[in-house]
Amino acid sequence: MIEGISISFLLWCVLFGAAGQFLHSLIGLYKLCVDETRDTKANFDLKRFLISLLMGASIGGLCVLIFADPLSKTDIMGIISAGYVGVDFVEGFMTKKSQSIQ
């Protein structure tokens, strides 16, 4: 166990990271539902949604290395923001790399 990092602190960070990605997914789903030219059921991919939540949780878990226990309100918003934006960064990076490999 790393000094200063407890299991409860890690779980809170993971939860906040996943919450940030869930918020991002909700906004994306709202945009999908508002667009009348798209079929919502055909464009919603459950596997991608679950993987993105897992990635958000992982990014939140990495935030344990940045923030200290106890978390302030600003720290919580930072972790939620990292989960929100971090998955976009990873997906963009992987898309760019996969295009250069092909």
PDB file of N, CA and C in Angstrom:
ATOM      1  N   MET A   1       0.850  -1.185   0.000  1.00  0.00           N
ATOM      2  CA  MET A   1       0.000   0.000   0.000  1.00  0.00           C
ATOM      3  C   MET A   1       0.885   1.234   0.000  1.00  0.00           C
ATOM      4  N   ILE A   2       0.561   2.181  -0.843  1.00  0.00           N
ATOM      5  CA  ILE A   2       1.308   3.431  -0.920  1.00  0.00           C
ATOM      6  C   ILE A   2       0.856   4.324   0.236  1.00  0.00           C
ATOM      7  N   GLU A   3       1.815   4.963   0.873  1.00  0.00           N
ATOM      8  CA  GLU A   3       1.502   5.796   2.021  1.00  0.00           C
ATOM      9  C   GLU A   3       0.590   6.962   1.630  1.00  0.00           C
ATOM     10  N   GLY A   4      -0.476   7.156   2.386  1.00  0.00           N
ATOM     11  CA  GLY A   4      -1.412   8.250   2.138  1.00  0.00           C
ATOM     12  C   GLY A   4      -2.550   7.887   1.200  1.00  0.00           C
ATOM     13  N   ILE A   5      -2.528   6.680   0.647  1.00  0.00           N
ATOM     14  CA  ILE A   5      -3.597   6.260  -0.278  1.00  0.00           C
ATOM     15  C   ILE A   5      -4.330   5.081   0.356  1.00  0.00           C
ATOM     16  N   SER A   6      -5.587   5.300   0.678  1.00  0.00           N
ATOM     17  CA  SER A   6      -6.397   4.233   1.249  1.00  0.00           C
ATOM     18  C   SER A   6      -7.328   3.669   0.172  1.00  0.00           C
ATOM     19  N   ILE A   7      -7.887   2.532   0.452  1.00  0.00           N
ATOM     20  CA  ILE A   7      -8.811   1.909  -0.494  1.00  0.00           C
ATOM     21  C   ILE A   7     -10.048   2.780  -0.687  1.00  0.00           C
ATOM     22  N   SER A   8     -10.548   3.378   0.378  1.00  0.00           N
ATOM     23  CA  SER A   8     -11.738   4.224   0.240  1.00  0.00           C
ATOM     24  C   SER A   8     -11.434   5.463  -0.608  1.00  0.00           C
ATOM     25  N   PHE A   9     -10.236   6.038  -0.440  1.00  0.00           N
ATOM     26  CA  PHE A   9      -9.830   7.187  -1.242  1.00  0.00           C
ATOM     27  C   PHE A   9      -9.739   6.789  -2.715  1.00  0.00           C
ATOM     28  N   LEU A  10      -9.166   5.634  -2.998  1.00  0.00           N
ATOM     29  CA  LEU A  10      -9.069   5.138  -4.367  1.00  0.00           C
ATOM     30  C   LEU A  10     -10.458   4.908  -4.966  1.00  0.00           C
ATOM     31  N   LEU A  11     -11.357   4.303  -4.198  1.00  0.00           N
ATOM     32  CA  LEU A  11     -12.706   4.031  -4.697  1.00  0.00           C
ATOM     33  C   LEU A  11     -13.478   5.323  -4.972  1.00  0.00           C
ATOM     34  N   TRP A  12     -13.293   6.338  -4.135  1.00  0.00           N
ATOM     35  CA  TRP A  12     -13.962   7.617  -4.383  1.00  0.00           C
ATOM     36  C   TRP A  12     -13.452   8.249  -5.670  1.00  0.00           C
ATOM     37  N   CYS A  13     -12.144   8.202  -5.881  1.00  0.00           N
ATOM     38  CA  CYS A  13     -11.582   8.765  -7.109  1.00  0.00           C
ATOM     39  C   CYS A  13     -12.071   8.006  -8.334  1.00  0.00           C
ATOM     40  N   VAL A  14     -12.135   6.689  -8.253  1.00  0.00           N
ATOM     41  CA  VAL A  14     -12.647   5.868  -9.356  1.00  0.00           C
ATOM     42  C   VAL A  14     -14.109   6.218  -9.628  1.00  0.00           C
ATOM     43  N   LEU A  15     -14.894   6.366  -8.573  1.00  0.00           N
ATOM     44  CA  LEU A  15     -16.305   6.711  -8.720  1.00  0.00           C
ATOM     45  C   LEU A  15     -16.477   8.081  -9.376  1.00  0.00           C
ATOM     46  N   PHE A  16     -15.691   9.064  -8.949  1.00  0.00           N
ATOM     47  CA  PHE A  16     -15.804  10.408  -9.533  1.00  0.00           C
ATOM     48  C   PHE A  16     -15.343  10.426 -10.990  1.00  0.00           C
ATOM     49  N   GLY A  17     -14.325   9.659 -11.338  1.00  0.00           N
ATOM     50  CA  GLY A  17     -13.889   9.568 -12.731  1.00  0.00           C
ATOM     51  C   GLY A  17     -14.957   8.936 -13.607  1.00  0.00           C
ATOM     52  N   ALA A  18     -15.577   7.865 -13.110  1.00  0.00           N
ATOM     53  CA  ALA A  18     -16.662   7.225 -13.852  1.00  0.00           C
ATOM     54  C   ALA A  18     -17.869   8.152 -13.962  1.00  0.00           C
ATOM     55  N   ALA A  19     -18.125   8.942 -12.926  1.00  0.00           N
ATOM     56  CA  ALA A  19     -19.245   9.888 -12.965  1.00  0.00           C
ATOM     57  C   ALA A  19     -19.021  10.954 -14.029  1.00  0.00           C
ATOM     58  N   GLY A  20     -17.781  11.405 -14.167  1.00  0.00           N
ATOM     59  CA  GLY A  20     -17.471  12.384 -15.205  1.00  0.00           C
ATOM     60  C   GLY A  20     -17.708  11.819 -16.599  1.00  0.00           C
ATOM     61  N   GLN A  21     -17.300  10.579 -16.815  1.00  0.00           N
ATOM     62  CA  GLN A  21     -17.524   9.965 -18.119  1.00  0.00           C
ATOM     63  C   GLN A  21     -19.005   9.662 -18.334  1.00  0.00           C
ATOM     64  N   PHE A  22     -19.727   9.316 -17.279  1.00  0.00           N
ATOM     65  CA  PHE A  22     -21.165   9.083 -17.400  1.00  0.00           C
ATOM     66  C   PHE A  22     -21.876  10.374 -17.807  1.00  0.00           C
ATOM     67  N   LEU A  23     -21.459  11.492 -17.212  1.00  0.00           N
ATOM     68  CA  LEU A  23     -22.018  12.787 -17.582  1.00  0.00           C
ATOM     69  C   LEU A  23     -21.738  13.085 -19.055  1.00  0.00           C
ATOM     70  N   HIS A  24     -20.533  12.804 -19.492  1.00  0.00           N
ATOM     71  CA  HIS A  24     -20.169  13.009 -20.892  1.00  0.00           C
ATOM     72  C   HIS A  24     -21.021  12.132 -21.812  1.00  0.00           C
ATOM     73  N   SER A  25     -21.247  10.903 -21.412  1.00  0.00           N
ATOM     74  CA  SER A  25     -22.068   9.981 -22.209  1.00  0.00           C
ATOM     75  C   SER A  25     -23.522  10.446 -22.265  1.00  0.00           C
ATOM     76  N   LEU A  26     -24.027  10.978 -21.152  1.00  0.00           N
ATOM     77  CA  LEU A  26     -25.401  11.489 -21.141  1.00  0.00           C
ATOM     78  C   LEU A  26     -25.567  12.652 -22.110  1.00  0.00           C
ATOM     79  N   ILE A  27     -24.579  13.534 -22.138  1.00  0.00           N
ATOM     80  CA  ILE A  27     -24.645  14.659 -23.063  1.00  0.00           C
ATOM     81  C   ILE A  27     -24.594  14.164 -24.503  1.00  0.00           C
ATOM     82  N   GLY A  28     -23.739  13.180 -24.781  1.00  0.00           N
ATOM     83  CA  GLY A  28     -23.679  12.598 -26.118  1.00  0.00           C
ATOM     84  C   GLY A  28     -24.972  11.906 -26.499  1.00  0.00           C
ATOM     85  N   LEU A  29     -25.590  11.214 -25.551  1.00  0.00           N
ATOM     86  CA  LEU A  29     -26.861  10.540 -25.812  1.00  0.00           C
ATOM     87  C   LEU A  29     -27.973  11.557 -26.056  1.00  0.00           C
ATOM     88  N   TYR A  30     -27.947  12.658 -25.330  1.00  0.00           N
ATOM     89  CA  TYR A  30     -28.928  13.728 -25.545  1.00  0.00           C
ATOM     90  C   TYR A  30     -28.792  14.295 -26.956  1.00  0.00           C
ATOM     91  N   LYS A  31     -27.555  14.545 -27.377  1.00  0.00           N
ATOM     92  CA  LYS A  31     -27.332  15.053 -28.734  1.00  0.00           C
ATOM     93  C   LYS A  31     -27.809  14.053 -29.779  1.00  0.00           C
ATOM     94  N   LEU A  32     -27.625  12.778 -29.503  1.00  0.00           N
ATOM     95  CA  LEU A  32     -28.069  11.732 -30.418  1.00  0.00           C
ATOM     96  C   LEU A  32     -29.593  11.690 -30.499  1.00  0.00           C
ATOM     97  N   CYS A  33     -30.260  11.867 -29.373  1.00  0.00           N
ATOM     98  CA  CYS A  33     -31.727  11.840 -29.357  1.00  0.00           C
ATOM     99  C   CYS A  33     -32.342  13.072 -30.012  1.00  0.00           C
ATOM    100  N   VAL A  34     -31.667  14.209 -29.896  1.00  0.00           N
ATOM    101  CA  VAL A  34     -32.188  15.447 -30.466  1.00  0.00           C
ATOM    102  C   VAL A  34     -32.079  15.437 -31.994  1.00  0.00           C
ATOM    103  N   ASP A  35     -31.045  14.793 -32.521  1.00  0.00           N
ATOM    104  CA  ASP A  35     -30.833  14.741 -33.968  1.00  0.00           C
ATOM    105  C   ASP A  35     -31.846  13.784 -34.588  1.00  0.00           C
ATOM    106  N   GLU A  36     -32.791  14.323 -35.332  1.00  0.00           N
ATOM    107  CA  GLU A  36     -33.870  13.511 -35.891  1.00  0.00           C
ATOM    108  C   GLU A  36     -33.432  12.690 -37.105  1.00  0.00           C
ATOM    109  N   THR A  37     -32.256  12.979 -37.642  1.00  0.00           N
ATOM    110  CA  THR A  37     -31.793  12.242 -38.815  1.00  0.00           C
ATOM    111  C   THR A  37     -31.139  10.916 -38.445  1.00  0.00           C
ATOM    112  N   ARG A  38     -30.887  10.695 -37.166  1.00  0.00           N
ATOM    113  CA  ARG A  38     -30.218   9.465 -36.722  1.00  0.00           C
ATOM    114  C   ARG A  38     -31.187   8.560 -35.977  1.00  0.00           C
ATOM    115  N   ASP A  39     -30.937   7.278 -36.102  1.00  0.00           N
ATOM    116  CA  ASP A  39     -31.693   6.280 -35.345  1.00  0.00           C
ATOM    117  C   ASP A  39     -30.951   6.041 -34.032  1.00  0.00           C
ATOM    118  N   THR A  40     -31.570   6.392 -32.920  1.00  0.00           N
ATOM    119  CA  THR A  40     -30.915   6.307 -31.617  1.00  0.00           C
ATOM    120  C   THR A  40     -30.494   4.888 -31.282  1.00  0.00           C
ATOM    121  N   LYS A  41     -31.351   3.920 -31.524  1.00  0.00           N
ATOM    122  CA  LYS A  41     -31.025   2.534 -31.189  1.00  0.00           C
ATOM    123  C   LYS A  41     -29.898   1.998 -32.054  1.00  0.00           C
ATOM    124  N   ALA A  42     -29.855   2.388 -33.308  1.00  0.00           N
ATOM    125  CA  ALA A  42     -28.810   1.897 -34.202  1.00  0.00           C
ATOM    126  C   ALA A  42     -27.459   2.532 -33.875  1.00  0.00           C
ATOM    127  N   ASN A  43     -27.441   3.755 -33.379  1.00  0.00           N
ATOM    128  CA  ASN A  43     -26.178   4.456 -33.123  1.00  0.00           C
ATOM    129  C   ASN A  43     -25.652   4.273 -31.698  1.00  0.00           C
ATOM    130  N   PHE A  44     -26.456   3.784 -30.768  1.00  0.00           N
ATOM    131  CA  PHE A  44     -25.998   3.579 -29.399  1.00  0.00           C
ATOM    132  C   PHE A  44     -25.309   2.230 -29.301  1.00  0.00           C
ATOM    133  N   ASP A  45     -24.055   2.238 -28.869  1.00  0.00           N
ATOM    134  CA  ASP A  45     -23.266   1.017 -28.738  1.00  0.00           C
ATOM    135  C   ASP A  45     -23.005   0.768 -27.251  1.00  0.00           C
ATOM    136  N   LEU A  46     -23.642  -0.256 -26.698  1.00  0.00           N
ATOM    137  CA  LEU A  46     -23.529  -0.545 -25.268  1.00  0.00           C
ATOM    138  C   LEU A  46     -22.098  -0.895 -24.881  1.00  0.00           C
ATOM    139  N   LYS A  47     -21.399  -1.661 -25.727  1.00  0.00           N
ATOM    140  CA  LYS A  47     -20.020  -2.035 -25.405  1.00  0.00           C
ATOM    141  C   LYS A  47     -19.129  -0.806 -25.307  1.00  0.00           C
ATOM    142  N   ARG A  48     -19.280   0.110 -26.255  1.00  0.00           N
ATOM    143  CA  ARG A  48     -18.477   1.326 -26.236  1.00  0.00           C
ATOM    144  C   ARG A  48     -18.805   2.160 -25.001  1.00  0.00           C
ATOM    145  N   PHE A  49     -20.077   2.204 -24.631  1.00  0.00           N
ATOM    146  CA  PHE A  49     -20.495   2.945 -23.442  1.00  0.00           C
ATOM    147  C   PHE A  49     -19.848   2.364 -22.187  1.00  0.00           C
ATOM    148  N   LEU A  50     -19.886   1.045 -22.044  1.00  0.00           N
ATOM    149  CA  LEU A  50     -19.309   0.412 -20.857  1.00  0.00           C
ATOM    150  C   LEU A  50     -17.792   0.563 -20.822  1.00  0.00           C
ATOM    151  N   ILE A  51     -17.142   0.450 -21.976  1.00  0.00           N
ATOM    152  CA  ILE A  51     -15.695   0.634 -22.026  1.00  0.00           C
ATOM    153  C   ILE A  51     -15.329   2.063 -21.672  1.00  0.00           C
ATOM    154  N   SER A  52     -16.120   3.020 -22.141  1.00  0.00           N
ATOM    155  CA  SER A  52     -15.824   4.416 -21.814  1.00  0.00           C
ATOM    156  C   SER A  52     -16.005   4.675 -20.319  1.00  0.00           C
ATOM    157  N   LEU A  53     -17.001   4.052 -19.702  1.00  0.00           N
ATOM    158  CA  LEU A  53     -17.152   4.189 -18.246  1.00  0.00           C
ATOM    159  C   LEU A  53     -15.959   3.588 -17.517  1.00  0.00           C
ATOM    160  N   LEU A  54     -15.488   2.447 -17.994  1.00  0.00           N
ATOM    161  CA  LEU A  54     -14.319   1.803 -17.390  1.00  0.00           C
ATOM    162  C   LEU A  54     -13.072   2.679 -17.559  1.00  0.00           C
ATOM    163  N   MET A  55     -12.935   3.300 -18.715  1.00  0.00           N
ATOM    164  CA  MET A  55     -11.799   4.196 -18.941  1.00  0.00           C
ATOM    165  C   MET A  55     -11.886   5.422 -18.036  1.00  0.00           C
ATOM    166  N   GLY A  56     -13.086   5.984 -17.870  1.00  0.00           N
ATOM    167  CA  GLY A  56     -13.270   7.116 -16.966  1.00  0.00           C
ATOM    168  C   GLY A  56     -12.920   6.742 -15.534  1.00  0.00           C
ATOM    169  N   ALA A  57     -13.319   5.534 -15.134  1.00  0.00           N
ATOM    170  CA  ALA A  57     -12.990   5.057 -13.795  1.00  0.00           C
ATOM    171  C   ALA A  57     -11.480   4.885 -13.642  1.00  0.00           C
ATOM    172  N   SER A  58     -10.811   4.399 -14.678  1.00  0.00           N
ATOM    173  CA  SER A  58      -9.355   4.235 -14.635  1.00  0.00           C
ATOM    174  C   SER A  58      -8.653   5.578 -14.509  1.00  0.00           C
ATOM    175  N   ILE A  59      -9.122   6.551 -15.270  1.00  0.00           N
ATOM    176  CA  ILE A  59      -8.532   7.880 -15.192  1.00  0.00           C
ATOM    177  C   ILE A  59      -8.767   8.477 -13.807  1.00  0.00           C
ATOM    178  N   GLY A  60      -9.947   8.252 -13.252  1.00  0.00           N
ATOM    179  CA  GLY A  60     -10.199   8.694 -11.880  1.00  0.00           C
ATOM    180  C   GLY A  60      -9.271   8.009 -10.893  1.00  0.00           C
ATOM    181  N   GLY A  61      -8.996   6.727 -11.130  1.00  0.00           N
ATOM    182  CA  GLY A  61      -8.057   6.004 -10.277  1.00  0.00           C
ATOM    183  C   GLY A  61      -6.646   6.567 -10.359  1.00  0.00           C
ATOM    184  N   LEU A  62      -6.258   7.011 -11.543  1.00  0.00           N
ATOM    185  CA  LEU A  62      -4.937   7.628 -11.685  1.00  0.00           C
ATOM    186  C   LEU A  62      -4.848   8.965 -10.958  1.00  0.00           C
ATOM    187  N   CYS A  63      -5.988   9.596 -10.749  1.00  0.00           N
ATOM    188  CA  CYS A  63      -6.006  10.875 -10.033  1.00  0.00           C
ATOM    189  C   CYS A  63      -5.602  10.722  -8.574  1.00  0.00           C
ATOM    190  N   VAL A  64      -5.579   9.498  -8.072  1.00  0.00           N
ATOM    191  CA  VAL A  64      -5.112   9.246  -6.711  1.00  0.00           C
ATOM    192  C   VAL A  64      -3.670   9.719  -6.565  1.00  0.00           C
ATOM    193  N   LEU A  65      -2.919   9.625  -7.658  1.00  0.00           N
ATOM    194  CA  LEU A  65      -1.513  10.025  -7.610  1.00  0.00           C
ATOM    195  C   LEU A  65      -1.338  11.543  -7.611  1.00  0.00           C
ATOM    196  N   ILE A  66      -2.390  12.273  -7.960  1.00  0.00           N
ATOM    197  CA  ILE A  66      -2.310  13.727  -8.050  1.00  0.00           C
ATOM    198  C   ILE A  66      -2.895  14.407  -6.811  1.00  0.00           C
ATOM    199  N   PHE A  67      -4.055  13.941  -6.377  1.00  0.00           N
ATOM    200  CA  PHE A  67      -4.769  14.593  -5.285  1.00  0.00           C
ATOM    201  C   PHE A  67      -4.472  13.917  -3.958  1.00  0.00           C
ATOM    202  N   ALA A  68      -4.739  14.634  -2.863  1.00  0.00           N
ATOM    203  CA  ALA A  68      -4.493  14.118  -1.520  1.00  0.00           C
ATOM    204  C   ALA A  68      -5.808  13.966  -0.775  1.00  0.00           C
ATOM    205  N   ASP A  69      -5.817  13.003   0.115  1.00  0.00           N
ATOM    206  CA  ASP A  69      -6.976  12.756   0.959  1.00  0.00           C
ATOM    207  C   ASP A  69      -6.913  13.709   2.143  1.00  0.00           C
ATOM    208  N   PRO A  70      -7.928  14.378   2.562  1.00  0.00           N
ATOM    209  CA  PRO A  70      -9.313  14.397   2.096  1.00  0.00           C
ATOM    210  C   PRO A  70      -9.475  15.310   0.875  1.00  0.00           C
ATOM    211  N   LEU A  71     -10.426  14.961   0.074  1.00  0.00           N
ATOM    212  CA  LEU A  71     -10.698  15.712  -1.149  1.00  0.00           C
ATOM    213  C   LEU A  71     -11.524  16.960  -0.848  1.00  0.00           C
ATOM    214  N   SER A  72     -11.124  18.071  -1.440  1.00  0.00           N
ATOM    215  CA  SER A  72     -11.940  19.276  -1.343  1.00  0.00           C
ATOM    216  C   SER A  72     -12.951  19.263  -2.491  1.00  0.00           C
ATOM    217  N   LYS A  73     -13.867  20.216  -2.479  1.00  0.00           N
ATOM    218  CA  LYS A  73     -14.855  20.301  -3.561  1.00  0.00           C
ATOM    219  C   LYS A  73     -14.178  20.565  -4.896  1.00  0.00           C
ATOM    220  N   THR A  74     -13.123  21.354  -4.882  1.00  0.00           N
ATOM    221  CA  THR A  74     -12.370  21.643  -6.100  1.00  0.00           C
ATOM    222  C   THR A  74     -11.680  20.381  -6.623  1.00  0.00           C
ATOM    223  N   ASP A  75     -11.135  19.584  -5.713  1.00  0.00           N
ATOM    224  CA  ASP A  75     -10.498  18.319  -6.117  1.00  0.00           C
ATOM    225  C   ASP A  75     -11.512  17.375  -6.749  1.00  0.00           C
ATOM    226  N   ILE A  76     -12.699  17.305  -6.172  1.00  0.00           N
ATOM    227  CA  ILE A  76     -13.751  16.431  -6.708  1.00  0.00           C
ATOM    228  C   ILE A  76     -14.132  16.870  -8.116  1.00  0.00           C
ATOM    229  N   MET A  77     -14.295  18.170  -8.303  1.00  0.00           N
ATOM    230  CA  MET A  77     -14.617  18.679  -9.641  1.00  0.00           C
ATOM    231  C   MET A  77     -13.469  18.410 -10.620  1.00  0.00           C
ATOM    232  N   GLY A  78     -12.245  18.461 -10.140  1.00  0.00           N
ATOM    233  CA  GLY A  78     -11.095  18.153 -10.976  1.00  0.00           C
ATOM    234  C   GLY A  78     -11.084  16.702 -11.427  1.00  0.00           C
ATOM    235  N   ILE A  79     -11.435  15.796 -10.540  1.00  0.00           N
ATOM    236  CA  ILE A  79     -11.473  14.376 -10.887  1.00  0.00           C
ATOM    237  C   ILE A  79     -12.625  14.101 -11.848  1.00  0.00           C
ATOM    238  N   ILE A  80     -13.784  14.711 -11.609  1.00  0.00           N
ATOM    239  CA  ILE A  80     -14.911  14.547 -12.529  1.00  0.00           C
ATOM    240  C   ILE A  80     -14.537  15.096 -13.906  1.00  0.00           C
ATOM    241  N   SER A  81     -13.848  16.223 -13.925  1.00  0.00           N
ATOM    242  CA  SER A  81     -13.410  16.808 -15.200  1.00  0.00           C
ATOM    243  C   SER A  81     -12.398  15.917 -15.893  1.00  0.00           C
ATOM    244  N   ALA A  82     -11.511  15.306 -15.138  1.00  0.00           N
ATOM    245  CA  ALA A  82     -10.526  14.395 -15.726  1.00  0.00           C
ATOM    246  C   ALA A  82     -11.220  13.196 -16.360  1.00  0.00           C
ATOM    247  N   GLY A  83     -12.242  12.660 -15.701  1.00  0.00           N
ATOM    248  CA  GLY A  83     -13.012  11.560 -16.284  1.00  0.00           C
ATOM    249  C   GLY A  83     -13.772  11.990 -17.516  1.00  0.00           C
ATOM    250  N   TYR A  84     -14.270  13.210 -17.502  1.00  0.00           N
ATOM    251  CA  TYR A  84     -15.036  13.754 -18.626  1.00  0.00           C
ATOM    252  C   TYR A  84     -14.147  13.942 -19.854  1.00  0.00           C
ATOM    253  N   VAL A  85     -12.998  14.567 -19.657  1.00  0.00           N
ATOM    254  CA  VAL A  85     -12.129  14.943 -20.771  1.00  0.00           C
ATOM    255  C   VAL A  85     -11.100  13.859 -21.094  1.00  0.00           C
ATOM    256  N   GLY A  86     -10.679  13.121 -20.102  1.00  0.00           N
ATOM    257  CA  GLY A  86      -9.607  12.149 -20.287  1.00  0.00           C
ATOM    258  C   GLY A  86      -9.917  11.071 -21.295  1.00  0.00           C
ATOM    259  N   VAL A  87     -11.131  10.597 -21.318  1.00  0.00           N
ATOM    260  CA  VAL A  87     -11.507   9.543 -22.254  1.00  0.00           C
ATOM    261  C   VAL A  87     -11.465  10.070 -23.685  1.00  0.00           C
ATOM    262  N   ASP A  88     -11.874  11.318 -23.891  1.00  0.00           N
ATOM    263  CA  ASP A  88     -11.771  11.919 -25.223  1.00  0.00           C
ATOM    264  C   ASP A  88     -10.320  11.981 -25.677  1.00  0.00           C
ATOM    265  N   PHE A  89      -9.437  12.343 -24.754  1.00  0.00           N
ATOM    266  CA  PHE A  89      -8.019  12.409 -25.083  1.00  0.00           C
ATOM    267  C   PHE A  89      -7.500  11.029 -25.494  1.00  0.00           C
ATOM    268  N   VAL A  90      -7.805  10.011 -24.713  1.00  0.00           N
ATOM    269  CA  VAL A  90      -7.331   8.657 -25.011  1.00  0.00           C
ATOM    270  C   VAL A  90      -7.919   8.161 -26.325  1.00  0.00           C
ATOM    271  N   GLU A  91      -9.218   8.377 -26.554  1.00  0.00           N
ATOM    272  CA  GLU A  91      -9.843   7.940 -27.804  1.00  0.00           C
ATOM    273  C   GLU A  91      -9.250   8.671 -29.007  1.00  0.00           C
ATOM    274  N   GLY A  92      -9.015   9.965 -28.877  1.00  0.00           N
ATOM    275  CA  GLY A  92      -8.408  10.732 -29.961  1.00  0.00           C
ATOM    276  C   GLY A  92      -6.995  10.258 -30.259  1.00  0.00           C
ATOM    277  N   PHE A  93      -6.228   9.989 -29.217  1.00  0.00           N
ATOM    278  CA  PHE A  93      -4.868   9.508 -29.381  1.00  0.00           C
ATOM    279  C   PHE A  93      -4.858   8.142 -30.071  1.00  0.00           C
ATOM    280  N   MET A  94      -5.738   7.245 -29.624  1.00  0.00           N
ATOM    281  CA  MET A  94      -5.779   5.898 -30.207  1.00  0.00           C
ATOM    282  C   MET A  94      -6.262   5.938 -31.662  1.00  0.00           C
ATOM    283  N   THR A  95      -7.212   6.799 -31.970  1.00  0.00           N
ATOM    284  CA  THR A  95      -7.689   6.929 -33.346  1.00  0.00           C
ATOM    285  C   THR A  95      -6.569   7.446 -34.239  1.00  0.00           C
ATOM    286  N   LYS A  96      -5.835   8.435 -33.776  1.00  0.00           N
ATOM    287  CA  LYS A  96      -4.731   9.009 -34.545  1.00  0.00           C
ATOM    288  C   LYS A  96      -3.644   7.962 -34.781  1.00  0.00           C
ATOM    289  N   LYS A  97      -3.307   7.201 -33.750  1.00  0.00           N
ATOM    290  CA  LYS A  97      -2.276   6.171 -33.878  1.00  0.00           C
ATOM    291  C   LYS A  97      -2.735   5.034 -34.785  1.00  0.00           C
ATOM    292  N   SER A  98      -4.006   4.643 -34.681  1.00  0.00           N
ATOM    293  CA  SER A  98      -4.491   3.533 -35.516  1.00  0.00           C
ATOM    294  C   SER A  98      -4.524   3.926 -36.978  1.00  0.00           C
ATOM    295  N   GLN A  99      -4.781   5.208 -37.277  1.00  0.00           N
ATOM    296  CA  GLN A  99      -4.760   5.658 -38.665  1.00  0.00           C
ATOM    297  C   GLN A  99      -3.342   5.680 -39.228  1.00  0.00           C
ATOM    298  N   SER A 100      -2.366   5.988 -38.391  1.00  0.00           N
ATOM    299  CA  SER A 100      -0.994   6.033 -38.884  1.00  0.00           C
ATOM    300  C   SER A 100      -0.427   4.623 -39.064  1.00  0.00           C
ATOM    301  N   ILE A 101      -0.971   3.644 -38.356  1.00  0.00           N
ATOM    302  CA  ILE A 101      -0.522   2.254 -38.501  1.00  0.00           C
ATOM    303  C   ILE A 101      -1.041   1.652 -39.793  1.00  0.00           C
ATOM    304  N   GLN A 102      -2.260   2.002 -40.180  1.00  0.00           N
ATOM    305  CA  GLN A 102      -2.858   1.426 -41.382  1.00  0.00           C
ATOM    306  C   GLN A 102      -2.179   1.956 -42.553  1.00  0.00           C
TER     307      GLN A 102
END
